[in-house]
Amino acid sequence: MPNISKGMVELKIRSFLPKNRSLFYRWLLSYISILIIPVIISGVVSVFSERLMRDETNRANTATLKQVRQTIDEMTTSFEKIATQISIDQSLRSVLGTRGSYDGAGQYSMYTLMIL
């Protein structure tokens, strides 16, 4: 294995750099290094904020769906109760079973149901 000294490594590194490093390139390098930090920070912040917005939107949508499901369940239960009451009430069943014109007794039955 060849013996490489620190001075030889520095010479090899300097050989890749331009020989005429002007003030312009130094300033350009310093400005780029200063400007890259905010770009990196803003990229990280935007990734975190996007993830936060997505999670919050999913939570809001889940809550809305739960409310809709609860409302539909309550309405279904209410319809089932009404159907049960209709099937149990004899006077209502007799009125619902008649078709066409009502005689006096049928009209009286309708009137008594509407009062209740």
N, C-alpha and C. Protein backbone atom coordinates (compact mmCIF):
# COMPACT_ATOMS: atom_id res chain seq x y z
N MET A 1 0.84 -1.17 0.00
CA MET A 1 0.00 0.00 0.00
C MET A 1 0.89 1.24 0.00
N PRO A 2 0.64 2.14 -0.92
CA PRO A 2 1.50 3.31 -1.00
C PRO A 2 1.27 4.22 0.20
N ASN A 3 2.32 4.88 0.60
CA ASN A 3 2.26 5.79 1.73
C ASN A 3 1.86 7.18 1.22
N ILE A 4 0.64 7.63 1.55
CA ILE A 4 0.13 8.92 1.08
C ILE A 4 0.14 9.87 2.27
N SER A 5 0.81 10.97 2.12
CA SER A 5 0.88 11.94 3.20
C SER A 5 -0.27 12.93 3.08
N LYS A 6 -0.45 13.70 4.14
CA LYS A 6 -1.53 14.69 4.19
C LYS A 6 -1.33 15.75 3.11
N GLY A 7 -0.11 16.10 2.85
CA GLY A 7 0.18 17.12 1.84
C GLY A 7 -0.21 16.67 0.45
N MET A 8 -0.03 15.38 0.17
CA MET A 8 -0.40 14.87 -1.16
C MET A 8 -1.91 14.88 -1.35
N VAL A 9 -2.66 14.57 -0.27
CA VAL A 9 -4.12 14.60 -0.35
C VAL A 9 -4.60 16.02 -0.62
N GLU A 10 -4.00 17.00 0.06
CA GLU A 10 -4.38 18.39 -0.17
C GLU A 10 -4.09 18.81 -1.60
N LEU A 11 -2.97 18.36 -2.14
CA LEU A 11 -2.62 18.70 -3.52
C LEU A 11 -3.62 18.09 -4.50
N LYS A 12 -4.04 16.87 -4.23
CA LYS A 12 -5.02 16.24 -5.12
C LYS A 12 -6.37 16.97 -5.05
N ILE A 13 -6.78 17.38 -3.85
CA ILE A 13 -8.05 18.11 -3.70
C ILE A 13 -7.95 19.45 -4.41
N ARG A 14 -6.85 20.14 -4.26
CA ARG A 14 -6.69 21.45 -4.89
C ARG A 14 -6.61 21.34 -6.42
N SER A 15 -6.19 20.20 -6.90
CA SER A 15 -6.12 20.06 -8.35
C SER A 15 -7.51 20.02 -8.99
N PHE A 16 -8.53 19.63 -8.22
CA PHE A 16 -9.90 19.62 -8.74
C PHE A 16 -10.53 21.01 -8.70
N LEU A 17 -10.08 21.85 -7.79
CA LEU A 17 -10.63 23.20 -7.69
C LEU A 17 -10.02 24.08 -8.78
N PRO A 18 -10.77 25.08 -9.23
CA PRO A 18 -10.20 25.96 -10.25
C PRO A 18 -8.98 26.71 -9.70
N LYS A 19 -8.02 26.95 -10.56
CA LYS A 19 -6.77 27.59 -10.13
C LYS A 19 -6.98 29.07 -9.85
N ASN A 20 -7.81 29.71 -10.63
CA ASN A 20 -8.09 31.13 -10.43
C ASN A 20 -9.41 31.30 -9.70
N ARG A 21 -9.36 31.21 -8.44
CA ARG A 21 -10.59 31.43 -7.67
C ARG A 21 -10.72 32.93 -7.43
N SER A 22 -11.64 33.48 -8.11
CA SER A 22 -11.82 34.91 -7.98
C SER A 22 -12.77 35.22 -6.83
N LEU A 23 -12.88 36.45 -6.54
CA LEU A 23 -13.77 36.92 -5.48
C LEU A 23 -15.22 36.59 -5.82
N PHE A 24 -15.54 36.64 -7.10
CA PHE A 24 -16.90 36.34 -7.53
C PHE A 24 -17.29 34.92 -7.16
N TYR A 25 -16.46 33.95 -7.39
CA TYR A 25 -16.77 32.56 -7.06
C TYR A 25 -16.87 32.33 -5.56
N ARG A 26 -16.04 33.03 -4.82
CA ARG A 26 -16.12 32.91 -3.36
C ARG A 26 -17.46 33.44 -2.84
N TRP A 27 -17.84 34.60 -3.35
CA TRP A 27 -19.11 35.16 -2.92
C TRP A 27 -20.28 34.31 -3.39
N LEU A 28 -20.18 33.82 -4.60
CA LEU A 28 -21.23 32.95 -5.12
C LEU A 28 -21.40 31.72 -4.26
N LEU A 29 -20.30 31.11 -3.89
CA LEU A 29 -20.36 29.94 -3.04
C LEU A 29 -20.93 30.27 -1.66
N SER A 30 -20.55 31.42 -1.11
CA SER A 30 -21.08 31.79 0.21
C SER A 30 -22.57 32.10 0.13
N TYR A 31 -23.00 32.80 -0.92
CA TYR A 31 -24.43 33.09 -1.06
C TYR A 31 -25.25 31.82 -1.28
N ILE A 32 -24.75 30.94 -2.09
CA ILE A 32 -25.47 29.67 -2.31
C ILE A 32 -25.58 28.89 -1.02
N SER A 33 -24.49 28.83 -0.25
CA SER A 33 -24.55 28.09 1.02
C SER A 33 -25.49 28.76 2.00
N ILE A 34 -25.60 30.07 1.97
CA ILE A 34 -26.53 30.78 2.87
C ILE A 34 -27.97 30.59 2.41
N LEU A 35 -28.22 30.60 1.11
CA LEU A 35 -29.58 30.48 0.60
C LEU A 35 -30.10 29.05 0.62
N ILE A 36 -29.25 28.08 0.64
CA ILE A 36 -29.71 26.69 0.63
C ILE A 36 -30.35 26.30 1.96
N ILE A 37 -29.92 26.92 3.05
CA ILE A 37 -30.46 26.59 4.38
C ILE A 37 -31.96 26.92 4.45
N PRO A 38 -32.42 28.13 4.07
CA PRO A 38 -33.86 28.38 4.11
C PRO A 38 -34.67 27.49 3.17
N VAL A 39 -34.08 27.13 2.04
CA VAL A 39 -34.77 26.25 1.10
C VAL A 39 -34.99 24.88 1.74
N ILE A 40 -33.98 24.37 2.40
CA ILE A 40 -34.11 23.07 3.07
C ILE A 40 -35.13 23.16 4.20
N ILE A 41 -35.07 24.23 5.00
CA ILE A 41 -36.00 24.39 6.11
C ILE A 41 -37.43 24.51 5.59
N SER A 42 -37.65 25.30 4.54
CA SER A 42 -39.00 25.44 4.01
C SER A 42 -39.51 24.13 3.42
N GLY A 43 -38.63 23.35 2.83
CA GLY A 43 -39.05 22.04 2.33
C GLY A 43 -39.50 21.12 3.45
N VAL A 44 -38.76 21.10 4.54
CA VAL A 44 -39.12 20.26 5.69
C VAL A 44 -40.43 20.74 6.29
N VAL A 45 -40.59 22.05 6.43
CA VAL A 45 -41.82 22.60 7.00
C VAL A 45 -43.02 22.28 6.11
N SER A 46 -42.85 22.38 4.80
CA SER A 46 -43.97 22.09 3.90
C SER A 46 -44.37 20.62 3.96
N VAL A 47 -43.40 19.72 4.10
CA VAL A 47 -43.72 18.30 4.21
C VAL A 47 -44.50 18.03 5.49
N PHE A 48 -44.05 18.62 6.60
CA PHE A 48 -44.76 18.41 7.87
C PHE A 48 -46.15 19.04 7.85
N SER A 49 -46.28 20.24 7.26
CA SER A 49 -47.59 20.88 7.22
C SER A 49 -48.55 20.12 6.32
N GLU A 50 -48.05 19.56 5.23
CA GLU A 50 -48.92 18.76 4.35
C GLU A 50 -49.42 17.52 5.08
N ARG A 51 -48.55 16.88 5.81
CA ARG A 51 -48.94 15.69 6.58
C ARG A 51 -49.96 16.07 7.66
N LEU A 52 -49.76 17.21 8.31
CA LEU A 52 -50.68 17.67 9.34
C LEU A 52 -52.05 17.99 8.74
N MET A 53 -52.06 18.65 7.58
CA MET A 53 -53.33 18.98 6.93
C MET A 53 -54.07 17.72 6.50
N ARG A 54 -53.35 16.74 5.98
CA ARG A 54 -53.98 15.49 5.56
C ARG A 54 -54.59 14.76 6.76
N ASP A 55 -53.86 14.71 7.86
CA ASP A 55 -54.38 14.04 9.06
C ASP A 55 -55.61 14.76 9.60
N GLU A 56 -55.57 16.08 9.63
CA GLU A 56 -56.70 16.85 10.14
C GLU A 56 -57.92 16.70 9.24
N THR A 57 -57.71 16.67 7.93
CA THR A 57 -58.82 16.47 7.00
C THR A 57 -59.43 15.09 7.18
N ASN A 58 -58.60 14.09 7.35
CA ASN A 58 -59.11 12.73 7.58
C ASN A 58 -59.92 12.66 8.87
N ARG A 59 -59.44 13.32 9.93
CA ARG A 59 -60.20 13.33 11.19
C ARG A 59 -61.55 14.02 11.02
N ALA A 60 -61.56 15.15 10.31
CA ALA A 60 -62.82 15.88 10.10
C ALA A 60 -63.79 15.06 9.27
N ASN A 61 -63.30 14.39 8.23
CA ASN A 61 -64.17 13.56 7.40
C ASN A 61 -64.72 12.38 8.19
N THR A 62 -63.89 11.78 9.03
CA THR A 62 -64.35 10.66 9.85
C THR A 62 -65.44 11.12 10.82
N ALA A 63 -65.26 12.28 11.42
CA ALA A 63 -66.27 12.80 12.35
C ALA A 63 -67.59 13.08 11.61
N THR A 64 -67.50 13.65 10.41
CA THR A 64 -68.70 13.92 9.63
C THR A 64 -69.42 12.63 9.25
N LEU A 65 -68.67 11.62 8.85
CA LEU A 65 -69.28 10.34 8.51
C LEU A 65 -69.95 9.68 9.71
N LYS A 66 -69.35 9.81 10.89
CA LYS A 66 -69.97 9.26 12.09
C LYS A 66 -71.29 9.97 12.40
N GLN A 67 -71.32 11.29 12.22
CA GLN A 67 -72.55 12.03 12.46
C GLN A 67 -73.64 11.63 11.47
N VAL A 68 -73.27 11.46 10.20
CA VAL A 68 -74.25 11.05 9.19
C VAL A 68 -74.78 9.66 9.50
N ARG A 69 -73.88 8.74 9.89
CA ARG A 69 -74.30 7.39 10.23
C ARG A 69 -75.25 7.41 11.42
N GLN A 70 -74.95 8.23 12.43
CA GLN A 70 -75.81 8.32 13.61
C GLN A 70 -77.18 8.88 13.23
N THR A 71 -77.22 9.90 12.37
CA THR A 71 -78.49 10.48 11.94
C THR A 71 -79.32 9.46 11.17
N ILE A 72 -78.69 8.73 10.28
CA ILE A 72 -79.41 7.71 9.50
C ILE A 72 -79.92 6.60 10.40
N ASP A 73 -79.11 6.19 11.37
CA ASP A 73 -79.56 5.17 12.32
C ASP A 73 -80.77 5.64 13.13
N GLU A 74 -80.75 6.91 13.57
CA GLU A 74 -81.88 7.45 14.32
C GLU A 74 -83.13 7.51 13.45
N MET A 75 -82.98 7.91 12.19
CA MET A 75 -84.15 7.98 11.30
C MET A 75 -84.69 6.58 11.03
N THR A 76 -83.82 5.60 10.85
CA THR A 76 -84.26 4.23 10.62
C THR A 76 -85.02 3.70 11.83
N THR A 77 -84.51 3.99 13.00
CA THR A 77 -85.20 3.57 14.23
C THR A 77 -86.56 4.24 14.33
N SER A 78 -86.63 5.51 13.98
CA SER A 78 -87.90 6.23 14.01
C SER A 78 -88.90 5.63 13.02
N PHE A 79 -88.45 5.30 11.82
CA PHE A 79 -89.33 4.68 10.83
C PHE A 79 -89.83 3.31 11.30
N GLU A 80 -88.96 2.56 11.94
CA GLU A 80 -89.37 1.25 12.47
C GLU A 80 -90.42 1.39 13.55
N LYS A 81 -90.27 2.40 14.41
CA LYS A 81 -91.27 2.64 15.46
C LYS A 81 -92.62 3.03 14.85
N ILE A 82 -92.58 3.90 13.83
CA ILE A 82 -93.82 4.31 13.17
C ILE A 82 -94.48 3.11 12.49
N ALA A 83 -93.69 2.28 11.82
CA ALA A 83 -94.25 1.09 11.17
C ALA A 83 -94.87 0.15 12.20
N THR A 84 -94.23 0.01 13.33
CA THR A 84 -94.78 -0.86 14.39
C THR A 84 -96.08 -0.28 14.93
N GLN A 85 -96.13 1.03 15.15
CA GLN A 85 -97.35 1.65 15.65
C GLN A 85 -98.49 1.52 14.65
N ILE A 86 -98.18 1.66 13.37
CA ILE A 86 -99.22 1.53 12.34
C ILE A 86 -99.74 0.10 12.31
N SER A 87 -98.85 -0.86 12.41
CA SER A 87 -99.29 -2.25 12.35
C SER A 87 -100.08 -2.66 13.58
N ILE A 88 -99.85 -2.04 14.71
CA ILE A 88 -100.55 -2.40 15.94
C ILE A 88 -101.91 -1.70 16.04
N ASP A 89 -102.03 -0.49 15.56
CA ASP A 89 -103.26 0.31 15.70
C ASP A 89 -104.35 -0.25 14.78
N GLN A 90 -105.39 -0.84 15.39
CA GLN A 90 -106.48 -1.47 14.64
C GLN A 90 -107.31 -0.46 13.85
N SER A 91 -107.58 0.68 14.46
CA SER A 91 -108.43 1.66 13.77
C SER A 91 -107.72 2.21 12.54
N LEU A 92 -106.42 2.40 12.63
CA LEU A 92 -105.68 2.88 11.48
C LEU A 92 -105.61 1.83 10.38
N ARG A 93 -105.44 0.58 10.79
CA ARG A 93 -105.41 -0.49 9.80
C ARG A 93 -106.74 -0.62 9.07
N SER A 94 -107.84 -0.40 9.77
CA SER A 94 -109.15 -0.50 9.12
C SER A 94 -109.34 0.62 8.11
N VAL A 95 -108.84 1.81 8.41
CA VAL A 95 -108.97 2.94 7.49
C VAL A 95 -108.04 2.74 6.29
N LEU A 96 -106.85 2.25 6.55
CA LEU A 96 -105.90 2.04 5.46
C LEU A 96 -106.36 0.91 4.53
N GLY A 97 -107.15 -0.01 5.05
CA GLY A 97 -107.58 -1.15 4.25
C GLY A 97 -108.73 -0.81 3.32
N THR A 98 -109.44 0.28 3.55
CA THR A 98 -110.57 0.62 2.68
C THR A 98 -110.09 1.39 1.46
N ARG A 99 -110.75 1.11 0.34
CA ARG A 99 -110.41 1.80 -0.90
C ARG A 99 -111.65 2.48 -1.44
N GLY A 100 -111.40 3.50 -2.26
CA GLY A 100 -112.52 4.18 -2.90
C GLY A 100 -113.14 5.21 -1.97
N SER A 101 -114.46 5.43 -2.15
CA SER A 101 -115.14 6.44 -1.34
C SER A 101 -115.49 5.85 0.02
N TYR A 102 -115.49 6.71 0.99
CA TYR A 102 -115.79 6.28 2.35
C TYR A 102 -117.26 6.52 2.64
N ASP A 103 -117.84 5.56 3.34
CA ASP A 103 -119.20 5.78 3.82
C ASP A 103 -119.12 6.60 5.09
N GLY A 104 -120.21 6.77 5.75
CA GLY A 104 -120.25 7.61 6.95
C GLY A 104 -119.33 7.08 8.04
N ALA A 105 -119.30 5.76 8.22
CA ALA A 105 -118.46 5.18 9.28
C ALA A 105 -116.98 5.35 8.94
N GLY A 106 -116.64 5.21 7.67
CA GLY A 106 -115.24 5.38 7.25
C GLY A 106 -114.78 6.81 7.40
N GLN A 107 -115.68 7.74 7.09
CA GLN A 107 -115.33 9.15 7.24
C GLN A 107 -115.17 9.51 8.71
N TYR A 108 -116.02 8.94 9.54
CA TYR A 108 -115.91 9.20 10.98
C TYR A 108 -114.60 8.61 11.52
N SER A 109 -114.21 7.45 11.06
CA SER A 109 -112.95 6.84 11.49
C SER A 109 -111.77 7.72 11.09
N MET A 110 -111.79 8.25 9.85
CA MET A 110 -110.73 9.16 9.41
C MET A 110 -110.69 10.41 10.28
N TYR A 111 -111.87 10.94 10.61
CA TYR A 111 -111.93 12.14 11.44
C TYR A 111 -111.36 11.88 12.82
N THR A 112 -111.69 10.77 13.41
CA THR A 112 -111.17 10.47 14.76
C THR A 112 -109.66 10.23 14.73
N LEU A 113 -109.13 9.66 13.65
CA LEU A 113 -107.68 9.48 13.55
C LEU A 113 -106.95 10.80 13.39
N MET A 114 -107.54 11.73 12.67
CA MET A 114 -106.90 13.02 12.46
C MET A 114 -106.90 13.85 13.73
N ILE A 115 -107.90 13.68 14.57
CA ILE A 115 -107.96 14.44 15.83
C ILE A 115 -106.87 13.95 16.78
N LEU A 116 -106.62 12.69 16.78
CA LEU A 116 -105.62 12.13 17.70
C LEU A 116 -104.30 12.62 17.29
